[in-house]
Amino acid sequence: MASDGEAHVPGPGDLERAILGAEAVLTSEEVAEIAGLAPEQFRRVWRSLGFPEFPPGESGFTGADADAARLLLGVTDSGLIDFDVAVNLTRAVGQTMARLADWEVTALLQQVEELSAPDSAVEDRIDTAISVVRELNKPFEGLLVYAWRRHLAAAAARMEALRASEEDLHTAEVTVGFADIVGFTALSNTLTQERIGDLVELFEMRCADVVATQRGRIIKSIGDSVLFVNDDPVQAYDTAEGIITVVGRDPRMPDVRVGLASGAVVQRLGDVFGPPVNLASRLTNVARRNRIIIDAGTAELLPSDEFETRRLPARPVRGFGLVEPVAVRRR
């Protein structure tokens, strides 16, 4: 801290304090005691959020950490859910927020650079970052709660639809899509790091827009590929065609390949698992540039008066033996 009369020079610790809203002065043992948890219980909650543990006796926590732990304990004490379920939900929050935080910082970094003078010192940029955080925190927190509620309502509606069909609530019949940038590894070796980041961001953004338009869901993105699902195979095809249109047919973007496979998937931890997921991924290796390849199950679901399908020669597909991929196009 600066002495009286001296101007305070911003440092990295100031940015962390601005974000947390308090000084980290508590140890994990103190937080556990305040929250009414056993020390090992609190450490388990902390790990489930995705944070590394502090050594015993080291101050790294704020009163907000104790408040959050107390809230979690209150839910379990009410009997609504047990501690294991609470930790599982906490893990989901931690993983989601970790990616969101990285995404947010990356996006705001450019804004901070633009607001700072070209030759500004590190301290001045930290000061600018603190100002941005203070202005953005409150409205963005409101947006987070709003988006969570909307996604929770959508997820509940999907579960209601499964119950109406008397199906296993963890299993759904869907068409899985896997969109993959062609030759991404070789391409990334020819681009600057900034250009690679811009390319991946644009690819994910365009895919997400197309998937949302066709009432599907992005399950996850892995740099050069996107996994999505759709309840309707026709809309899944339209999603694949849309991705090819906005990515593969844009001369400024690389080519893409899309594989579609239909069947039952297990829905857990915000992800989907099952043969259709693996097969859709494998089919991208069969597809030509800017083309869609589907499995026989999807071919049977597409209306024959709208789509023309053609079985390709059988070939070995890892994990599935011999498979006859199917080329498809609208009539």
Protein backbone atom coordinates (compact mmCIF):
# COMPACT_ATOMS: atom_id res chain seq x y z
CA MET A 1 0.00 0.00 0.00
CA ALA A 2 1.16 3.55 -0.69
CA SER A 3 1.95 5.78 2.29
CA ASP A 4 0.03 9.04 2.91
CA GLY A 5 0.65 11.54 0.15
CA GLU A 6 1.99 8.97 -2.28
CA ALA A 7 0.05 7.99 -5.38
CA HIS A 8 -0.86 4.32 -5.44
CA VAL A 9 0.66 2.47 -8.38
CA PRO A 10 -1.76 -0.23 -9.62
CA GLY A 11 -0.45 -3.79 -9.54
CA PRO A 12 -1.81 -7.25 -10.42
CA GLY A 13 -3.18 -7.70 -6.91
CA ASP A 14 -5.41 -4.66 -7.37
CA LEU A 15 -7.11 -6.23 -10.39
CA GLU A 16 -7.84 -9.42 -8.43
CA ARG A 17 -9.21 -7.38 -5.50
CA ALA A 18 -11.41 -5.35 -7.87
CA ILE A 19 -12.89 -8.54 -9.28
CA LEU A 20 -13.36 -10.31 -5.92
CA GLY A 21 -14.47 -7.17 -4.14
CA ALA A 22 -12.41 -7.97 -1.04
CA GLU A 23 -8.97 -8.86 0.25
CA ALA A 24 -8.15 -12.58 0.51
CA VAL A 25 -7.29 -12.81 4.21
CA LEU A 26 -8.86 -16.11 5.30
CA THR A 27 -7.37 -19.61 5.34
CA SER A 28 -9.31 -22.65 4.17
CA GLU A 29 -9.60 -23.80 7.78
CA GLU A 30 -11.15 -20.45 8.77
CA VAL A 31 -13.57 -20.52 5.84
CA ALA A 32 -14.66 -24.05 6.73
CA GLU A 33 -15.27 -23.02 10.35
CA ILE A 34 -17.30 -19.94 9.35
CA ALA A 35 -19.37 -21.97 6.88
CA GLY A 36 -19.94 -24.83 9.31
CA LEU A 37 -18.21 -27.41 7.13
CA ALA A 38 -15.53 -29.91 7.99
CA PRO A 39 -12.18 -28.79 6.47
CA GLU A 40 -12.16 -31.78 4.09
CA GLN A 41 -15.70 -30.96 2.95
CA PHE A 42 -14.70 -27.43 2.09
CA ARG A 43 -11.59 -28.62 0.28
CA ARG A 44 -13.79 -31.00 -1.74
CA VAL A 45 -16.11 -28.14 -2.69
CA TRP A 46 -13.14 -25.94 -3.59
CA ARG A 47 -11.61 -28.67 -5.78
CA SER A 48 -14.96 -29.28 -7.47
CA LEU A 49 -14.98 -25.63 -8.53
CA GLY A 50 -11.70 -26.33 -10.32
CA PHE A 51 -9.38 -24.33 -8.07
CA PRO A 52 -6.03 -25.58 -6.74
CA GLU A 53 -5.75 -25.97 -2.99
CA PHE A 54 -3.80 -23.50 -0.89
CA PRO A 55 -1.23 -24.89 1.56
CA PRO A 56 -2.55 -25.20 5.15
CA GLY A 57 -2.48 -21.87 6.93
CA GLU A 58 -2.10 -19.78 3.76
CA SER A 59 -4.53 -16.89 3.30
CA GLY A 60 -6.26 -17.11 -0.06
CA PHE A 61 -9.97 -16.75 0.68
CA THR A 62 -12.49 -13.99 1.26
CA GLY A 63 -15.72 -13.76 3.20
CA ALA A 64 -17.57 -14.40 -0.07
CA ASP A 65 -15.99 -17.87 -0.21
CA ALA A 66 -17.39 -18.60 3.25
CA ASP A 67 -20.80 -17.24 2.23
CA ALA A 68 -20.89 -19.48 -0.86
CA ALA A 69 -19.94 -22.56 1.18
CA ARG A 70 -22.60 -21.68 3.76
CA LEU A 71 -25.22 -21.42 1.01
CA LEU A 72 -24.28 -24.85 -0.28
CA LEU A 73 -24.46 -26.31 3.21
CA GLY A 74 -27.90 -24.75 3.72
CA VAL A 75 -29.23 -26.50 0.62
CA THR A 76 -27.91 -29.88 1.77
CA ASP A 77 -29.13 -29.36 5.35
CA SER A 78 -32.61 -28.72 4.00
CA GLY A 79 -32.66 -32.26 2.65
CA LEU A 80 -33.41 -31.12 -0.89
CA ILE A 81 -30.18 -32.66 -2.20
CA ASP A 82 -27.35 -34.54 -0.53
CA PHE A 83 -23.74 -33.38 -0.36
CA ASP A 84 -22.58 -35.58 -3.26
CA VAL A 85 -25.20 -34.10 -5.58
CA ALA A 86 -24.26 -30.60 -4.39
CA VAL A 87 -20.61 -31.25 -5.23
CA ASN A 88 -21.60 -32.61 -8.64
CA LEU A 89 -23.59 -29.45 -9.42
CA THR A 90 -20.73 -27.34 -8.08
CA ARG A 91 -18.36 -29.09 -10.45
CA ALA A 92 -20.66 -28.22 -13.36
CA VAL A 93 -20.67 -24.58 -12.29
CA GLY A 94 -16.89 -24.55 -11.89
CA GLN A 95 -16.17 -26.03 -15.31
CA THR A 96 -18.66 -23.75 -17.03
CA MET A 97 -17.47 -20.61 -15.27
CA ALA A 98 -13.81 -21.44 -15.88
CA ARG A 99 -14.33 -21.50 -19.63
CA LEU A 100 -16.54 -18.42 -19.50
CA ALA A 101 -13.94 -16.51 -17.49
CA ASP A 102 -11.15 -17.39 -19.94
CA TRP A 103 -13.42 -16.41 -22.82
CA GLU A 104 -14.37 -13.11 -21.16
CA VAL A 105 -10.79 -12.13 -20.32
CA THR A 106 -9.66 -12.89 -23.87
CA ALA A 107 -12.49 -10.83 -25.32
CA LEU A 108 -11.93 -7.90 -22.95
CA LEU A 109 -8.17 -7.88 -23.44
CA GLN A 110 -8.61 -6.23 -26.84
CA GLN A 111 -10.95 -3.66 -25.32
CA VAL A 112 -8.39 -2.81 -22.65
CA GLU A 113 -5.69 -2.47 -25.31
CA GLU A 114 -7.89 -0.10 -27.32
CA LEU A 115 -8.71 2.04 -24.29
CA SER A 116 -5.06 2.30 -23.25
CA ALA A 117 -2.54 4.58 -24.91
CA PRO A 118 -0.25 2.73 -27.38
CA ASP A 119 2.84 3.40 -25.25
CA SER A 120 1.14 3.12 -21.85
CA ALA A 121 2.90 1.37 -18.97
CA VAL A 122 1.73 -1.93 -17.51
CA GLU A 123 0.38 -0.08 -14.46
CA ASP A 124 -1.81 2.14 -16.67
CA ARG A 125 -3.25 -0.90 -18.45
CA ILE A 126 -4.04 -2.54 -15.12
CA ASP A 127 -5.80 0.64 -14.06
CA THR A 128 -7.82 0.58 -17.31
CA ALA A 129 -8.67 -3.10 -16.74
CA ILE A 130 -9.91 -2.31 -13.22
CA SER A 131 -12.18 0.41 -14.62
CA VAL A 132 -13.59 -1.98 -17.23
CA VAL A 133 -14.22 -4.64 -14.58
CA ARG A 134 -16.01 -2.21 -12.28
CA GLU A 135 -18.26 -1.00 -15.10
CA LEU A 136 -19.01 -4.45 -16.50
CA ASN A 137 -19.35 -6.66 -13.42
CA LYS A 138 -22.87 -5.72 -12.36
CA PRO A 139 -24.64 -5.86 -15.75
CA PHE A 140 -22.75 -9.03 -16.72
CA GLU A 141 -23.77 -10.75 -13.47
CA GLY A 142 -27.38 -9.95 -14.36
CA LEU A 143 -26.88 -11.39 -17.83
CA LEU A 144 -25.42 -14.59 -16.35
CA VAL A 145 -28.47 -15.18 -14.16
CA TYR A 146 -30.82 -14.41 -17.06
CA ALA A 147 -29.01 -16.79 -19.44
CA TRP A 148 -28.89 -19.53 -16.78
CA ARG A 149 -32.64 -19.29 -16.21
CA ARG A 150 -33.40 -19.44 -19.92
CA HIS A 151 -31.14 -22.44 -20.47
CA LEU A 152 -32.55 -24.14 -17.37
CA ALA A 153 -36.08 -23.66 -18.72
CA ALA A 154 -35.05 -25.08 -22.11
CA ALA A 155 -33.38 -28.10 -20.49
CA ALA A 156 -36.44 -28.73 -18.32
CA ALA A 157 -38.67 -28.56 -21.41
CA ARG A 158 -36.53 -31.21 -23.11
CA MET A 159 -36.87 -33.45 -20.06
CA GLU A 160 -40.63 -32.94 -20.06
CA ALA A 161 -40.78 -34.00 -23.69
CA LEU A 162 -38.87 -37.18 -22.87
CA ARG A 163 -41.23 -37.94 -19.97
CA ALA A 164 -44.21 -37.42 -22.27
CA SER A 165 -42.72 -40.05 -24.56
CA GLU A 166 -42.14 -42.36 -21.56
CA GLU A 167 -38.45 -42.61 -22.39
CA ASP A 168 -35.43 -42.85 -20.11
CA LEU A 169 -34.86 -39.27 -18.93
CA HIS A 170 -31.12 -39.65 -19.46
CA THR A 171 -31.46 -41.06 -22.99
CA ALA A 172 -32.68 -39.30 -26.13
CA GLU A 173 -33.06 -40.15 -29.80
CA VAL A 174 -31.22 -37.44 -31.71
CA THR A 175 -29.16 -36.75 -34.79
CA VAL A 176 -25.58 -35.93 -33.85
CA GLY A 177 -23.49 -33.68 -36.05
CA PHE A 178 -19.75 -33.26 -36.10
CA ALA A 179 -18.27 -30.37 -38.12
CA ASP A 180 -14.52 -30.39 -38.66
CA ILE A 181 -12.10 -27.91 -40.28
CA VAL A 182 -10.16 -29.68 -43.04
CA GLY A 183 -6.40 -29.84 -42.49
CA PHE A 184 -6.41 -27.63 -39.41
CA THR A 185 -3.06 -28.87 -38.09
CA ALA A 186 -1.24 -28.07 -41.33
CA LEU A 187 -3.14 -24.78 -41.65
CA SER A 188 -2.23 -23.68 -38.13
CA ASN A 189 1.45 -24.13 -38.94
CA THR A 190 1.15 -21.43 -41.60
CA LEU A 191 -0.71 -18.85 -39.49
CA THR A 192 0.27 -16.49 -36.70
CA GLN A 193 -1.07 -17.27 -33.23
CA GLU A 194 -3.40 -14.26 -33.44
CA ARG A 195 -4.77 -15.41 -36.79
CA ILE A 196 -5.34 -18.96 -35.46
CA GLY A 197 -7.30 -17.54 -32.53
CA ASP A 198 -9.40 -15.33 -34.81
CA LEU A 199 -10.10 -18.27 -37.13
CA VAL A 200 -11.24 -20.60 -34.35
CA GLU A 201 -13.40 -17.88 -32.79
CA LEU A 202 -15.09 -17.09 -36.11
CA PHE A 203 -15.61 -20.80 -36.88
CA GLU A 204 -17.26 -21.43 -33.50
CA MET A 205 -19.39 -18.29 -33.74
CA ARG A 206 -20.72 -19.10 -37.21
CA CYS A 207 -21.42 -22.72 -36.29
CA ALA A 208 -23.25 -21.65 -33.13
CA ASP A 209 -25.43 -19.22 -35.09
CA VAL A 210 -26.42 -21.88 -37.61
CA VAL A 211 -27.13 -24.49 -34.92
CA ALA A 212 -29.32 -22.07 -32.97
CA THR A 213 -31.23 -21.09 -36.13
CA GLN A 214 -32.08 -24.75 -36.75
CA ARG A 215 -33.19 -25.28 -33.12
CA GLY A 216 -30.24 -27.52 -32.28
CA ARG A 217 -27.71 -27.39 -29.46
CA ILE A 218 -23.95 -27.00 -29.44
CA ILE A 219 -22.67 -29.67 -27.07
CA LYS A 220 -19.02 -28.67 -27.22
CA SER A 221 -16.37 -27.19 -29.44
CA ILE A 222 -12.80 -28.43 -29.59
CA GLY A 223 -10.85 -25.79 -31.49
CA ASP A 224 -11.16 -27.09 -35.04
CA SER A 225 -14.42 -29.01 -34.58
CA VAL A 226 -17.94 -28.57 -33.22
CA LEU A 227 -20.30 -31.24 -31.88
CA PHE A 228 -24.02 -30.49 -32.07
CA VAL A 229 -27.31 -32.37 -31.71
CA ASN A 230 -30.79 -31.91 -33.12
CA ASP A 231 -34.05 -33.71 -32.40
CA ASP A 232 -35.07 -33.42 -36.07
CA PRO A 233 -32.83 -35.12 -38.70
CA VAL A 234 -33.97 -32.70 -41.41
CA GLN A 235 -32.96 -29.73 -39.28
CA ALA A 236 -29.70 -31.52 -38.51
CA TYR A 237 -29.05 -31.77 -42.26
CA ASP A 238 -29.95 -28.09 -42.68
CA THR A 239 -27.52 -27.29 -39.88
CA ALA A 240 -24.74 -29.19 -41.65
CA GLU A 241 -25.52 -27.49 -44.95
CA GLY A 242 -25.66 -24.12 -43.22
CA ILE A 243 -22.22 -24.63 -41.64
CA ILE A 244 -20.77 -25.54 -45.02
CA THR A 245 -22.36 -22.41 -46.52
CA VAL A 246 -21.09 -19.92 -43.92
CA VAL A 247 -17.67 -21.54 -43.41
CA GLY A 248 -16.60 -23.82 -46.25
CA ARG A 249 -18.01 -21.69 -49.06
CA ASP A 250 -16.57 -18.47 -47.68
CA PRO A 251 -13.28 -17.91 -49.57
CA ARG A 252 -11.80 -16.33 -46.44
CA MET A 253 -12.43 -19.49 -44.38
CA PRO A 254 -11.05 -23.04 -44.59
CA ASP A 255 -13.01 -25.99 -45.96
CA VAL A 256 -15.11 -28.11 -43.61
CA ARG A 257 -16.53 -31.62 -43.49
CA VAL A 258 -19.66 -32.68 -41.62
CA GLY A 259 -20.75 -36.11 -40.42
CA LEU A 260 -24.26 -36.95 -39.19
CA ALA A 261 -25.36 -40.06 -37.29
CA SER A 262 -28.67 -40.81 -35.59
CA GLY A 263 -29.64 -42.93 -32.62
CA ALA A 264 -29.87 -43.03 -28.85
CA VAL A 265 -27.42 -41.00 -26.78
CA VAL A 266 -26.94 -40.73 -23.04
CA GLN A 267 -27.12 -37.17 -21.69
CA ARG A 268 -24.87 -36.56 -18.69
CA LEU A 269 -22.75 -33.71 -17.33
CA GLY A 270 -23.85 -31.39 -20.14
CA ASP A 271 -22.42 -33.82 -22.71
CA VAL A 272 -23.76 -36.66 -24.85
CA PHE A 273 -22.33 -40.15 -25.15
CA GLY A 274 -23.04 -43.15 -27.34
CA PRO A 275 -22.38 -44.74 -30.74
CA PRO A 276 -23.93 -41.88 -32.79
CA VAL A 277 -21.46 -39.43 -31.27
CA ASN A 278 -18.45 -41.55 -32.17
CA LEU A 279 -19.79 -42.44 -35.60
CA ALA A 280 -20.53 -38.82 -36.55
CA SER A 281 -16.93 -37.98 -35.70
CA ARG A 282 -15.57 -40.90 -37.72
CA LEU A 283 -17.70 -39.99 -40.74
CA THR A 284 -15.95 -36.64 -41.11
CA ASN A 285 -12.86 -38.58 -42.16
CA VAL A 286 -14.89 -40.06 -45.03
CA ALA A 287 -16.52 -36.83 -46.21
CA ARG A 288 -15.02 -34.82 -49.04
CA ARG A 289 -14.35 -31.12 -48.58
CA ASN A 290 -17.53 -29.12 -47.99
CA ARG A 291 -19.67 -32.25 -48.13
CA ILE A 292 -22.00 -34.05 -45.74
CA ILE A 293 -21.77 -37.77 -45.00
CA ILE A 294 -24.46 -39.55 -42.99
CA ASP A 295 -25.01 -43.01 -41.58
CA ALA A 296 -27.69 -45.47 -42.71
CA GLY A 297 -29.86 -44.63 -39.70
CA THR A 298 -30.04 -40.95 -40.65
CA ALA A 299 -30.69 -41.85 -44.30
CA GLU A 300 -33.77 -43.82 -43.25
CA LEU A 301 -35.11 -40.85 -41.29
CA LEU A 302 -34.81 -38.31 -44.10
CA PRO A 303 -37.91 -38.02 -46.35
CA SER A 304 -37.15 -39.77 -49.65
CA ASP A 305 -39.12 -37.19 -51.64
CA GLU A 306 -36.86 -34.40 -50.35
CA PHE A 307 -33.45 -36.08 -50.22
CA GLU A 308 -31.37 -38.17 -52.55
CA THR A 309 -29.06 -40.63 -50.80
CA ARG A 310 -26.33 -42.84 -52.23
CA ARG A 311 -24.55 -45.60 -50.35
CA LEU A 312 -20.78 -45.48 -50.70
CA PRO A 313 -18.50 -48.54 -50.72
CA ALA A 314 -18.10 -50.14 -47.30
CA ARG A 315 -14.92 -49.24 -45.48
CA PRO A 316 -13.45 -49.97 -42.06
CA VAL A 317 -14.35 -47.39 -39.45
CA ARG A 318 -12.49 -47.52 -36.16
CA GLY A 319 -14.72 -48.98 -33.48
CA PHE A 320 -17.50 -49.94 -35.89
CA GLY A 321 -15.98 -52.45 -38.29
CA LEU A 322 -17.15 -52.18 -41.91
CA VAL A 323 -19.54 -49.27 -42.44
CA GLU A 324 -21.36 -48.10 -45.56
CA PRO A 325 -21.32 -44.27 -45.41
CA VAL A 326 -24.12 -42.50 -47.23
CA ALA A 327 -23.76 -39.41 -49.40
CA VAL A 328 -26.79 -37.11 -49.28
CA ARG A 329 -28.17 -34.03 -50.99
CA ARG A 330 -31.50 -32.30 -51.37
CA ARG A 331 -33.46 -33.12 -54.51
